[in-house]
Amino acid sequence: MGSVVPRLYQLLKPDHIVLDLEVTSKKRLFEQIGILFENHDQLSRSQVFDALFNREKLGSTGLGHGFALPHGRMKGVRDTFAAFLRLSTEIPFEAPDGQPVRMAFVLLVPEHANEVHLRLLGEISELFSDESLRQHLLSVTDPLAVIQALSQPHAFG
């Protein structure tokens, strides 16, 4: 019997949703993500940055259509952490379609959470392949609207 995999919207908290963040590069985005998790979850900002950056060195987590899925494994954590960030301007991300990124969904998992990690990555990829959902998330003005949209993704198609 595998571990119970939480639904994506259940992992997101309103204070882990940042709308219209001003950053100029992938590195600055990862730094801001580290600060977010340090401030709200007492995770080490440098450990978060390193987890994301080390994964990114293996290949871009830009999925295309202006969306990225930065993710990493964290030593010494027991929970899975998630965040959604919408950027005020697009940044280069080396996505397969060459498009810059305006939205990022971040996933941090315990070092040995393979099944959970893979299932959540698959769910995120599937959700954000929906053009109508992506367009809706570009226009929302409230973090709770992001959670609602992710809990009812087919409401926008």
Foldseek 3Di string as FASTA:
>chain_A
DDDDADQPLVQDDQLQEAEAAEDAEPLVVLLVNLVSCCVPPVDHSVQSSCFQVVVCVVDFQAADPQEGEREGAGEPDADKHKHKYFHNDFYFTPHPVRDTHGIYIYIYHHNPNVVNVVVNVVLVVVLVVDPQLVVVVNPDDGSVVNSVCSVPVVVRD
